[in-house]
Each structure stands twice: as C-alpha cells, then as structure tokens.
Amino acid sequence: MTKMRAAAAALVAALVTTIVPAAAETWTKSDPLDDGGGGTYSSDLVRIKVNHAQRKVYVRVRYDEFVGEVLKGHLDLRRGDEGPEFNWQVAPQFAPYTTNLYRVDGWGSVLSPGTSWDLHPCQGLRTRQVSEQPPVFVTGIPRRCLRIGGSPPSRIRVSVAAGDAVGGSDWVPGRHTWSPWLAHD
C-alpha cells in the first residue's frame, strides 16, 4: 500500500508541475513627483509595474499628470550589451493608442534624431488606458515579437520615459537606467 501511495504522490507531483505555468517575474518602481527634469514637457510618471508573463511582457504606467506626450519603453535582452534591443512608442493622447515596436541598436539609435529605426511588426502589441484618474496605461508586448535569432527572451530589463519622441522628460527608473533582470523560465 505504501508503494501505491508513493506512486500516486509522484504522479500528482508530475501533473502539477506540467499544469502550472512557468512563474512570471514582476517588478514595481515608484518614482518621485515632479522629477521630470524640467523643460517643455510636464507629464510625470509616478509608478511602473513590469510583468514578464508567459505570453507577453506587460508594462503598466501610472502618471500623476498626463499632458499627452509620447510614452516610450526600452527593452534590454542581452547581458553585456549596454543599450536596448527594442523600443516601443505610443502617443496615449490619440485613441486607439497605436503602439509601434522598433528594433534598435543601443541608446545611440534611440536618442539620435533622424535615425532610421527598424519598425518591427508585432501582431498583438497593444496599449490600453485602464484608468483616467489617475491616468494609467498598460502596454502588452508579445514575447514572440522579442526574438533575436531564436526563442523569446528568458530575461529582460525595462526603462520607461515620457516626454518628447527623442529624449524623454521623465524616466523610470532613471535616464539610461534599467530595472533589474526579470526572468521567465
């Protein structure tokens, strides 16, 4: 009877590990009010939450005040390569929130005006507003769109900026600064 219980327990354990999806890693960062660096742009990011989920990378952005500038996100997929490999942009003041994903080569290509970015078509890439007050937007980026020579990334880092289309005004966690690596196994 003990062998039967042990076999049943092993079977249940095997089923649970195959049914339960891989764990997604989540990171949340609050940002001080009015730290946008001045200038002509006044949107103020106050909190971001990144969820590296099974099928998508979700980035939830909360503003203290939203005045309609561009929201940009940067994704780093390669350790040892300092800048981003992907960039997404959305102009949240224009519903239905057209979101574009670009393949970029480091910070220089993100910040240089007139640089030709490689528009990276991505079916399922979406941004939606989930709250008007406070203004909250969620962008979902399918992991399959983030492939560089093979399978979707197992780890990512994120940096988010609000402001103009080139440099941004308010960055979370900071200008040219990344979230910790977020794993998805």
N, C-alpha and C. Protein backbone atom coordinates (compact mmCIF):
# COMPACT_ATOMS: atom_id res chain seq x y z
N MET A 1 0.82 -1.18 0.00
CA MET A 1 0.00 0.00 0.00
C MET A 1 0.87 1.26 0.00
N THR A 2 2.01 1.24 0.69
CA THR A 2 2.89 2.41 0.73
C THR A 2 3.48 2.70 -0.65
N LYS A 3 3.79 1.64 -1.42
CA LYS A 3 4.31 1.85 -2.77
C LYS A 3 3.26 2.52 -3.64
N MET A 4 1.99 2.13 -3.45
CA MET A 4 0.91 2.71 -4.23
C MET A 4 0.75 4.20 -3.90
N ARG A 5 0.83 4.54 -2.63
CA ARG A 5 0.73 5.95 -2.22
C ARG A 5 1.90 6.76 -2.77
N ALA A 6 3.07 6.19 -2.71
CA ALA A 6 4.25 6.88 -3.23
C ALA A 6 4.12 7.11 -4.73
N ALA A 7 3.62 6.10 -5.45
CA ALA A 7 3.42 6.23 -6.89
C ALA A 7 2.36 7.28 -7.20
N ALA A 8 1.28 7.30 -6.43
CA ALA A 8 0.22 8.29 -6.61
C ALA A 8 0.75 9.70 -6.33
N ALA A 9 1.53 9.83 -5.27
CA ALA A 9 2.10 11.14 -4.93
C ALA A 9 3.04 11.63 -6.04
N ALA A 10 3.83 10.73 -6.59
CA ALA A 10 4.74 11.09 -7.68
C ALA A 10 3.96 11.52 -8.92
N LEU A 11 2.86 10.80 -9.21
CA LEU A 11 2.02 11.14 -10.36
C LEU A 11 1.39 12.52 -10.17
N VAL A 12 0.87 12.80 -9.00
CA VAL A 12 0.27 14.11 -8.72
C VAL A 12 1.32 15.21 -8.85
N ALA A 13 2.50 15.00 -8.32
CA ALA A 13 3.57 15.99 -8.41
C ALA A 13 3.95 16.25 -9.87
N ALA A 14 4.01 15.20 -10.66
CA ALA A 14 4.35 15.35 -12.08
C ALA A 14 3.27 16.13 -12.81
N LEU A 15 2.01 15.84 -12.51
CA LEU A 15 0.91 16.56 -13.15
C LEU A 15 0.90 18.03 -12.75
N VAL A 16 1.12 18.33 -11.50
CA VAL A 16 1.12 19.72 -11.04
C VAL A 16 2.22 20.51 -11.71
N THR A 17 3.40 19.93 -11.85
CA THR A 17 4.49 20.68 -12.47
C THR A 17 4.28 20.88 -13.96
N THR A 18 3.52 20.03 -14.62
CA THR A 18 3.26 20.23 -16.04
C THR A 18 2.06 21.13 -16.27
N ILE A 19 1.13 21.20 -15.33
CA ILE A 19 -0.05 22.03 -15.49
C ILE A 19 0.22 23.47 -15.08
N VAL A 20 0.97 23.69 -14.02
CA VAL A 20 1.23 25.03 -13.53
C VAL A 20 2.18 25.74 -14.49
N PRO A 21 1.78 26.94 -15.00
CA PRO A 21 2.66 27.64 -15.93
C PRO A 21 3.92 28.15 -15.24
N ALA A 22 4.91 28.46 -16.06
CA ALA A 22 6.16 28.99 -15.52
C ALA A 22 5.88 30.29 -14.79
N ALA A 23 6.63 30.52 -13.74
CA ALA A 23 6.42 31.72 -12.93
C ALA A 23 6.91 32.95 -13.68
N ALA A 24 6.09 33.99 -13.64
CA ALA A 24 6.48 35.26 -14.23
C ALA A 24 7.08 36.13 -13.14
N GLU A 25 8.09 36.89 -13.51
CA GLU A 25 8.70 37.77 -12.54
C GLU A 25 8.14 39.18 -12.72
N THR A 26 7.83 39.83 -11.61
CA THR A 26 7.23 41.15 -11.62
C THR A 26 8.12 42.12 -10.86
N TRP A 27 8.15 43.37 -11.32
CA TRP A 27 8.93 44.42 -10.67
C TRP A 27 8.11 45.69 -10.67
N THR A 28 8.09 46.39 -9.55
CA THR A 28 7.35 47.64 -9.42
C THR A 28 8.30 48.71 -8.91
N LYS A 29 8.18 49.91 -9.49
CA LYS A 29 9.04 51.03 -9.07
C LYS A 29 8.20 52.29 -8.97
N SER A 30 8.21 52.90 -7.79
CA SER A 30 7.58 54.21 -7.61
C SER A 30 8.61 55.27 -7.95
N ASP A 31 8.14 56.40 -8.45
CA ASP A 31 9.01 57.48 -8.89
C ASP A 31 8.55 58.77 -8.22
N PRO A 32 9.48 59.60 -7.74
CA PRO A 32 9.09 60.84 -7.05
C PRO A 32 8.28 61.77 -7.96
N LEU A 33 7.38 62.55 -7.35
CA LEU A 33 6.62 63.55 -8.10
C LEU A 33 7.55 64.66 -8.58
N ASP A 34 7.19 65.22 -9.73
CA ASP A 34 7.88 66.41 -10.28
C ASP A 34 9.37 66.22 -10.44
N ASP A 35 9.79 65.05 -10.88
CA ASP A 35 11.22 64.81 -11.09
C ASP A 35 11.55 64.71 -12.58
N GLY A 36 10.70 65.25 -13.43
CA GLY A 36 10.84 65.07 -14.86
C GLY A 36 11.97 65.80 -15.53
N GLY A 37 12.74 66.54 -14.80
CA GLY A 37 13.89 67.18 -15.41
C GLY A 37 13.57 68.52 -16.05
N GLY A 38 12.36 69.03 -15.86
CA GLY A 38 12.02 70.34 -16.40
C GLY A 38 11.82 70.31 -17.89
N GLY A 39 12.08 71.43 -18.52
CA GLY A 39 11.89 71.52 -19.95
C GLY A 39 10.44 71.82 -20.29
N THR A 40 10.09 71.58 -21.53
CA THR A 40 8.75 71.93 -22.00
C THR A 40 7.75 70.81 -21.78
N TYR A 41 8.18 69.67 -21.27
CA TYR A 41 7.31 68.53 -21.10
C TYR A 41 6.96 68.36 -19.63
N SER A 42 5.69 68.09 -19.37
CA SER A 42 5.30 68.06 -17.96
C SER A 42 4.58 66.80 -17.54
N SER A 43 4.52 65.77 -18.38
CA SER A 43 3.96 64.51 -17.91
C SER A 43 4.88 63.96 -16.83
N ASP A 44 4.28 63.45 -15.77
CA ASP A 44 5.08 62.97 -14.64
C ASP A 44 4.72 61.51 -14.36
N LEU A 45 5.67 60.62 -14.62
CA LEU A 45 5.47 59.21 -14.30
C LEU A 45 5.67 59.03 -12.80
N VAL A 46 4.77 58.29 -12.15
CA VAL A 46 4.92 58.10 -10.71
C VAL A 46 5.07 56.63 -10.32
N ARG A 47 4.74 55.71 -11.25
CA ARG A 47 4.88 54.30 -10.90
C ARG A 47 4.84 53.45 -12.17
N ILE A 48 5.73 52.47 -12.23
CA ILE A 48 5.64 51.48 -13.30
C ILE A 48 5.65 50.09 -12.66
N LYS A 49 5.00 49.19 -13.37
CA LYS A 49 4.99 47.78 -12.95
C LYS A 49 5.23 46.95 -14.20
N VAL A 50 6.21 46.08 -14.14
CA VAL A 50 6.56 45.23 -15.28
C VAL A 50 6.29 43.78 -14.88
N ASN A 51 5.60 43.06 -15.75
CA ASN A 51 5.30 41.66 -15.51
C ASN A 51 5.78 40.88 -16.74
N HIS A 52 6.83 40.08 -16.56
CA HIS A 52 7.35 39.24 -17.64
C HIS A 52 6.58 37.92 -17.61
N ALA A 53 5.40 37.95 -18.22
CA ALA A 53 4.47 36.84 -18.14
C ALA A 53 4.75 35.78 -19.21
N GLN A 54 3.92 34.76 -19.22
CA GLN A 54 4.14 33.62 -20.10
C GLN A 54 4.10 33.98 -21.58
N ARG A 55 3.13 34.79 -21.98
CA ARG A 55 2.99 35.12 -23.40
C ARG A 55 3.34 36.56 -23.74
N LYS A 56 3.27 37.46 -22.74
CA LYS A 56 3.53 38.88 -23.01
C LYS A 56 4.35 39.50 -21.89
N VAL A 57 4.99 40.59 -22.24
CA VAL A 57 5.60 41.47 -21.25
C VAL A 57 4.60 42.61 -21.07
N TYR A 58 4.11 42.78 -19.84
CA TYR A 58 3.16 43.85 -19.55
C TYR A 58 3.88 44.96 -18.81
N VAL A 59 3.67 46.19 -19.29
CA VAL A 59 4.24 47.36 -18.62
C VAL A 59 3.08 48.30 -18.29
N ARG A 60 2.85 48.46 -17.01
CA ARG A 60 1.77 49.32 -16.50
C ARG A 60 2.41 50.63 -16.03
N VAL A 61 1.91 51.74 -16.57
CA VAL A 61 2.48 53.05 -16.29
C VAL A 61 1.42 53.94 -15.68
N ARG A 62 1.75 54.54 -14.53
CA ARG A 62 0.83 55.48 -13.89
C ARG A 62 1.45 56.87 -13.90
N TYR A 63 0.67 57.82 -14.33
CA TYR A 63 1.08 59.22 -14.34
C TYR A 63 0.46 59.94 -13.15
N ASP A 64 1.13 60.97 -12.65
CA ASP A 64 0.49 61.90 -11.73
C ASP A 64 -0.35 62.88 -12.57
N GLU A 65 0.29 63.36 -13.62
CA GLU A 65 -0.38 64.27 -14.55
C GLU A 65 0.02 63.83 -15.94
N PHE A 66 -0.95 63.78 -16.82
CA PHE A 66 -0.67 63.38 -18.19
C PHE A 66 -1.07 64.51 -19.11
N VAL A 67 -0.09 65.02 -19.88
CA VAL A 67 -0.38 66.13 -20.78
C VAL A 67 -0.21 65.73 -22.24
N GLY A 68 -0.15 64.45 -22.51
CA GLY A 68 -0.24 63.98 -23.88
C GLY A 68 1.04 63.80 -24.65
N GLU A 69 2.16 63.70 -23.99
CA GLU A 69 3.38 63.44 -24.73
C GLU A 69 3.52 61.96 -25.06
N VAL A 70 4.61 61.63 -25.71
CA VAL A 70 4.88 60.26 -26.12
C VAL A 70 5.35 59.44 -24.92
N LEU A 71 4.86 58.20 -24.83
CA LEU A 71 5.33 57.24 -23.84
C LEU A 71 6.23 56.26 -24.58
N LYS A 72 7.45 56.09 -24.07
CA LYS A 72 8.42 55.21 -24.71
C LYS A 72 8.91 54.18 -23.71
N GLY A 73 9.08 52.98 -24.19
CA GLY A 73 9.66 51.93 -23.37
C GLY A 73 10.85 51.34 -24.08
N HIS A 74 11.82 50.92 -23.33
CA HIS A 74 13.05 50.34 -23.87
C HIS A 74 13.24 48.98 -23.23
N LEU A 75 13.61 47.99 -24.05
CA LEU A 75 13.80 46.62 -23.58
C LEU A 75 15.22 46.17 -23.87
N ASP A 76 15.87 45.67 -22.85
CA ASP A 76 17.21 45.11 -22.97
C ASP A 76 17.09 43.60 -22.83
N LEU A 77 17.64 42.88 -23.79
CA LEU A 77 17.54 41.43 -23.79
C LEU A 77 18.89 40.74 -23.63
N ARG A 78 19.97 41.47 -23.82
CA ARG A 78 21.30 40.85 -23.85
C ARG A 78 22.19 41.39 -22.74
N ARG A 79 22.66 40.49 -21.90
CA ARG A 79 23.65 40.88 -20.89
C ARG A 79 24.94 41.29 -21.61
N GLY A 80 25.61 42.28 -21.07
CA GLY A 80 26.87 42.71 -21.65
C GLY A 80 26.71 43.67 -22.81
N ASP A 81 25.49 43.90 -23.27
CA ASP A 81 25.21 44.85 -24.34
C ASP A 81 24.41 45.97 -23.68
N GLU A 82 25.06 47.11 -23.47
CA GLU A 82 24.55 48.13 -22.57
C GLU A 82 23.17 48.70 -22.92
N GLY A 83 22.89 48.93 -24.17
CA GLY A 83 21.65 49.61 -24.54
C GLY A 83 20.53 48.66 -24.90
N PRO A 84 19.38 49.23 -25.29
CA PRO A 84 18.21 48.42 -25.62
C PRO A 84 18.33 47.74 -26.99
N GLU A 85 17.59 46.63 -27.11
CA GLU A 85 17.44 45.96 -28.41
C GLU A 85 16.09 46.29 -29.04
N PHE A 86 15.13 46.66 -28.20
CA PHE A 86 13.80 47.04 -28.69
C PHE A 86 13.33 48.31 -28.00
N ASN A 87 12.48 49.04 -28.70
CA ASN A 87 11.89 50.26 -28.19
C ASN A 87 10.43 50.24 -28.64
N TRP A 88 9.52 50.61 -27.75
CA TRP A 88 8.14 50.78 -28.19
C TRP A 88 7.70 52.20 -27.88
N GLN A 89 6.80 52.72 -28.71
CA GLN A 89 6.30 54.06 -28.51
C GLN A 89 4.81 54.09 -28.74
N VAL A 90 4.15 54.94 -27.96
CA VAL A 90 2.72 55.16 -28.11
C VAL A 90 2.45 56.61 -27.77
N ALA A 91 1.52 57.20 -28.50
CA ALA A 91 1.05 58.56 -28.18
C ALA A 91 -0.31 58.39 -27.51
N PRO A 92 -0.34 58.29 -26.18
CA PRO A 92 -1.58 57.94 -25.49
C PRO A 92 -2.71 58.96 -25.63
N GLN A 93 -2.41 60.15 -26.14
CA GLN A 93 -3.48 61.12 -26.30
C GLN A 93 -4.34 60.83 -27.53
N PHE A 94 -3.89 59.92 -28.39
CA PHE A 94 -4.63 59.60 -29.61
C PHE A 94 -5.18 58.18 -29.54
N ALA A 95 -6.43 58.03 -29.08
CA ALA A 95 -7.06 56.70 -29.10
C ALA A 95 -7.24 56.33 -30.56
N PRO A 96 -7.07 55.09 -30.97
CA PRO A 96 -6.98 53.86 -30.20
C PRO A 96 -5.57 53.47 -29.80
N TYR A 97 -4.72 54.40 -29.49
CA TYR A 97 -3.40 54.13 -28.92
C TYR A 97 -2.54 53.22 -29.80
N THR A 98 -2.25 53.68 -30.98
CA THR A 98 -1.38 52.93 -31.88
C THR A 98 0.00 52.81 -31.24
N THR A 99 0.44 51.58 -31.07
CA THR A 99 1.73 51.31 -30.44
C THR A 99 2.64 50.69 -31.49
N ASN A 100 3.86 51.22 -31.59
CA ASN A 100 4.84 50.70 -32.54
C ASN A 100 6.03 50.12 -31.79
N LEU A 101 6.53 49.01 -32.31
CA LEU A 101 7.71 48.35 -31.76
C LEU A 101 8.84 48.51 -32.78
N TYR A 102 10.02 48.89 -32.29
CA TYR A 102 11.18 49.09 -33.17
C TYR A 102 12.33 48.22 -32.69
N ARG A 103 13.10 47.73 -33.64
CA ARG A 103 14.35 47.03 -33.35
C ARG A 103 15.42 48.10 -33.38
N VAL A 104 16.14 48.29 -32.29
CA VAL A 104 17.14 49.34 -32.18
C VAL A 104 18.48 48.74 -31.79
N ASP A 105 19.51 49.54 -31.92
CA ASP A 105 20.86 49.08 -31.60
C ASP A 105 21.49 50.01 -30.58
N GLY A 106 21.10 49.86 -29.33
CA GLY A 106 21.69 50.65 -28.25
C GLY A 106 21.05 52.01 -28.07
N TRP A 107 21.52 52.73 -27.06
CA TRP A 107 20.96 54.04 -26.72
C TRP A 107 21.16 55.04 -27.84
N GLY A 108 22.26 54.97 -28.55
CA GLY A 108 22.53 55.95 -29.62
C GLY A 108 21.43 55.96 -30.68
N SER A 109 20.96 54.80 -31.07
CA SER A 109 19.92 54.76 -32.10
C SER A 109 18.57 55.20 -31.56
N VAL A 110 18.37 55.09 -30.24
CA VAL A 110 17.11 55.52 -29.65
C VAL A 110 17.07 57.04 -29.55
N LEU A 111 18.20 57.65 -29.23
CA LEU A 111 18.22 59.07 -28.91
C LEU A 111 18.63 59.98 -30.06
N SER A 112 19.07 59.45 -31.18
CA SER A 112 19.54 60.29 -32.27
C SER A 112 18.39 60.70 -33.17
N PRO A 113 18.11 62.02 -33.25
CA PRO A 113 17.05 62.47 -34.15
C PRO A 113 17.36 62.07 -35.59
N GLY A 114 16.37 61.63 -36.29
CA GLY A 114 16.54 61.27 -37.69
C GLY A 114 17.12 59.89 -37.91
N THR A 115 17.45 59.17 -36.86
CA THR A 115 17.98 57.83 -37.01
C THR A 115 16.89 56.92 -37.56
N SER A 116 17.27 56.09 -38.51
CA SER A 116 16.30 55.16 -39.08
C SER A 116 16.14 53.96 -38.14
N TRP A 117 14.97 53.83 -37.59
CA TRP A 117 14.68 52.68 -36.73
C TRP A 117 14.04 51.61 -37.57
N ASP A 118 14.23 50.38 -37.21
CA ASP A 118 13.63 49.26 -37.91
C ASP A 118 12.28 48.98 -37.27
N LEU A 119 11.20 49.42 -37.95
CA LEU A 119 9.86 49.12 -37.46
C LEU A 119 9.70 47.61 -37.44
N HIS A 120 9.30 47.08 -36.32
CA HIS A 120 9.24 45.63 -36.10
C HIS A 120 7.76 45.23 -35.96
N PRO A 121 7.13 44.79 -37.05
CA PRO A 121 5.70 44.44 -36.95
C PRO A 121 5.47 43.40 -35.86
N CYS A 122 4.40 43.61 -35.10
CA CYS A 122 4.14 42.73 -33.97
C CYS A 122 2.64 42.63 -33.75
N GLN A 123 2.07 41.55 -34.23
CA GLN A 123 0.64 41.33 -34.03
C GLN A 123 0.37 41.05 -32.55
N GLY A 124 -0.60 41.76 -31.99
CA GLY A 124 -0.94 41.58 -30.58
C GLY A 124 -0.33 42.62 -29.67
N LEU A 125 0.51 43.51 -30.20
CA LEU A 125 1.09 44.61 -29.43
C LEU A 125 -0.01 45.64 -29.19
N ARG A 126 -0.30 45.94 -27.92
CA ARG A 126 -1.39 46.86 -27.62
C ARG A 126 -1.10 47.69 -26.38
N THR A 127 -1.65 48.91 -26.41
CA THR A 127 -1.68 49.77 -25.24
C THR A 127 -3.13 50.14 -24.98
N ARG A 128 -3.52 50.08 -23.73
CA ARG A 128 -4.89 50.49 -23.38
C ARG A 128 -4.85 51.32 -22.11
N GLN A 129 -5.82 52.21 -22.01
CA GLN A 129 -5.94 53.02 -20.80
C GLN A 129 -6.86 52.29 -19.86
N VAL A 130 -6.40 52.03 -18.64
CA VAL A 130 -7.19 51.29 -17.67
C VAL A 130 -7.77 52.20 -16.58
N SER A 131 -7.32 53.45 -16.53
CA SER A 131 -7.85 54.41 -15.57
C SER A 131 -7.62 55.82 -16.11
N GLU A 132 -8.64 56.67 -15.95
CA GLU A 132 -8.46 58.07 -16.35
C GLU A 132 -7.89 58.90 -15.22
N GLN A 133 -8.30 58.61 -13.99
CA GLN A 133 -7.83 59.39 -12.85
C GLN A 133 -7.48 58.45 -11.70
N PRO A 134 -6.24 58.20 -11.43
CA PRO A 134 -5.06 58.72 -12.10
C PRO A 134 -4.89 58.06 -13.48
N PRO A 135 -4.22 58.76 -14.40
CA PRO A 135 -4.01 58.19 -15.73
C PRO A 135 -3.10 56.96 -15.66
N VAL A 136 -3.63 55.80 -16.11
CA VAL A 136 -2.86 54.56 -16.11
C VAL A 136 -3.02 53.89 -17.47
N PHE A 137 -1.89 53.52 -18.06
CA PHE A 137 -1.86 52.83 -19.35
C PHE A 137 -1.11 51.51 -19.18
N VAL A 138 -1.56 50.48 -19.90
CA VAL A 138 -0.89 49.18 -19.89
C VAL A 138 -0.54 48.81 -21.32
N THR A 139 0.73 48.50 -21.54
CA THR A 139 1.19 48.02 -22.84
C THR A 139 1.51 46.55 -22.70
N GLY A 140 0.99 45.73 -23.62
CA GLY A 140 1.28 44.31 -23.67
C GLY A 140 2.09 44.00 -24.92
N ILE A 141 3.29 43.47 -24.74
CA ILE A 141 4.19 43.15 -25.85
C ILE A 141 4.34 41.64 -25.92
N PRO A 142 3.84 41.01 -26.99
CA PRO A 142 4.00 39.55 -27.11
C PRO A 142 5.48 39.16 -27.08
N ARG A 143 5.81 38.18 -26.27
CA ARG A 143 7.20 37.72 -26.16
C ARG A 143 7.73 37.18 -27.47
N ARG A 144 6.84 36.61 -28.30
CA ARG A 144 7.29 36.07 -29.59
C ARG A 144 7.84 37.17 -30.50
N CYS A 145 7.44 38.43 -30.27
CA CYS A 145 7.93 39.55 -31.07
C CYS A 145 9.32 40.00 -30.63
N LEU A 146 9.81 39.50 -29.53
CA LEU A 146 11.09 39.95 -28.98
C LEU A 146 12.22 38.95 -29.26
N ARG A 147 12.06 38.16 -30.26
CA ARG A 147 13.09 37.17 -30.60
C ARG A 147 14.26 37.84 -31.29
N ILE A 148 15.43 37.42 -30.87
CA ILE A 148 16.65 37.81 -31.58
C ILE A 148 17.37 36.51 -31.88
N GLY A 149 17.21 36.03 -33.08
CA GLY A 149 17.87 34.81 -33.50
C GLY A 149 17.42 33.55 -32.79
N GLY A 150 16.15 33.41 -32.52
CA GLY A 150 15.70 32.17 -31.90
C GLY A 150 14.45 32.34 -31.07
N SER A 151 14.52 31.85 -29.85
CA SER A 151 13.34 31.83 -28.99
C SER A 151 13.16 33.17 -28.27
N PRO A 152 11.97 33.42 -27.70
CA PRO A 152 11.75 34.64 -26.93
C PRO A 152 12.72 34.72 -25.75
N PRO A 153 12.99 35.91 -25.27
CA PRO A 153 13.99 36.07 -24.20
C PRO A 153 13.56 35.43 -22.89
N SER A 154 14.52 34.88 -22.17
CA SER A 154 14.21 34.34 -20.84
C SER A 154 14.35 35.43 -19.78
N ARG A 155 15.09 36.50 -20.09
CA ARG A 155 15.26 37.62 -19.17
C ARG A 155 15.15 38.93 -19.94
N ILE A 156 14.59 39.93 -19.27
CA ILE A 156 14.51 41.27 -19.85
C ILE A 156 14.81 42.31 -18.78
N ARG A 157 15.18 43.51 -19.23
CA ARG A 157 15.23 44.69 -18.38
C ARG A 157 14.44 45.78 -19.10
N VAL A 158 13.86 46.70 -18.32
CA VAL A 158 12.99 47.72 -18.89
C VAL A 158 13.37 49.10 -18.36
N SER A 159 13.22 50.10 -19.22
CA SER A 159 13.33 51.50 -18.85
C SER A 159 12.20 52.23 -19.58
N VAL A 160 11.52 53.15 -18.91
CA VAL A 160 10.36 53.83 -19.49
C VAL A 160 10.59 55.34 -19.40
N ALA A 161 10.17 56.05 -20.45
CA ALA A 161 10.31 57.51 -20.49
C ALA A 161 9.02 58.12 -21.02
N ALA A 162 8.68 59.29 -20.51
CA ALA A 162 7.56 60.08 -21.03
C ALA A 162 8.10 61.45 -21.40
N GLY A 163 7.63 61.98 -22.50
CA GLY A 163 8.07 63.30 -22.93
C GLY A 163 8.07 63.39 -24.43
N ASP A 164 9.16 63.89 -25.00
CA ASP A 164 9.21 64.02 -26.45
C ASP A 164 9.59 62.70 -27.09
N ALA A 165 9.53 62.66 -28.41
CA ALA A 165 9.76 61.41 -29.14
C ALA A 165 11.22 60.99 -29.14
N VAL A 166 12.13 61.87 -28.77
CA VAL A 166 13.55 61.54 -28.84
C VAL A 166 14.13 61.23 -27.47
N GLY A 167 14.24 62.21 -26.59
CA GLY A 167 14.96 62.02 -25.35
C GLY A 167 14.13 61.70 -24.13
N GLY A 168 12.90 62.14 -24.13
CA GLY A 168 12.07 61.92 -22.95
C GLY A 168 12.30 62.99 -21.91
N SER A 169 11.41 63.06 -20.98
CA SER A 169 11.49 64.06 -19.93
C SER A 169 11.58 63.39 -18.56
N ASP A 170 10.71 62.44 -18.30
CA ASP A 170 10.73 61.74 -17.01
C ASP A 170 10.99 60.26 -17.29
N TRP A 171 12.01 59.72 -16.67
CA TRP A 171 12.42 58.33 -16.87
C TRP A 171 12.22 57.54 -15.59
N VAL A 172 11.80 56.29 -15.74
CA VAL A 172 11.72 55.36 -14.60
C VAL A 172 12.39 54.07 -15.05
N PRO A 173 13.38 53.55 -14.34
CA PRO A 173 13.88 54.01 -13.04
C PRO A 173 14.79 55.23 -13.12
N GLY A 174 15.28 55.61 -14.27
CA GLY A 174 16.12 56.80 -14.45
C GLY A 174 16.65 56.80 -15.88
N ARG A 175 17.16 57.93 -16.32
CA ARG A 175 17.68 58.03 -17.68
C ARG A 175 18.81 57.02 -17.89
N HIS A 176 18.65 56.20 -18.91
CA HIS A 176 19.61 55.14 -19.26
C HIS A 176 19.86 54.19 -18.10
N THR A 177 18.86 53.98 -17.29
CA THR A 177 18.94 53.09 -16.14
C THR A 177 17.90 52.00 -16.31
N TRP A 178 18.23 50.80 -15.89
CA TRP A 178 17.37 49.64 -16.12
C TRP A 178 16.72 49.13 -14.84
N SER A 179 15.60 48.46 -15.03
CA SER A 179 15.02 47.64 -13.97
C SER A 179 16.00 46.50 -13.72
N PRO A 180 15.81 45.74 -12.65
CA PRO A 180 16.60 44.50 -12.53
C PRO A 180 16.21 43.53 -13.66
N TRP A 181 17.03 42.54 -13.88
CA TRP A 181 16.67 41.49 -14.86
C TRP A 181 15.45 40.75 -14.34
N LEU A 182 14.46 40.60 -15.21
CA LEU A 182 13.23 39.89 -14.87
C LEU A 182 13.19 38.60 -15.66
N ALA A 183 13.20 37.50 -14.96
CA ALA A 183 13.29 36.19 -15.60
C ALA A 183 11.92 35.64 -15.95
N HIS A 184 11.92 34.82 -16.95
CA HIS A 184 10.76 33.99 -17.27
C HIS A 184 11.31 32.65 -17.73
N ASP A 185 11.06 31.63 -16.95
CA ASP A 185 11.60 30.30 -17.30
C ASP A 185 10.55 29.43 -17.91
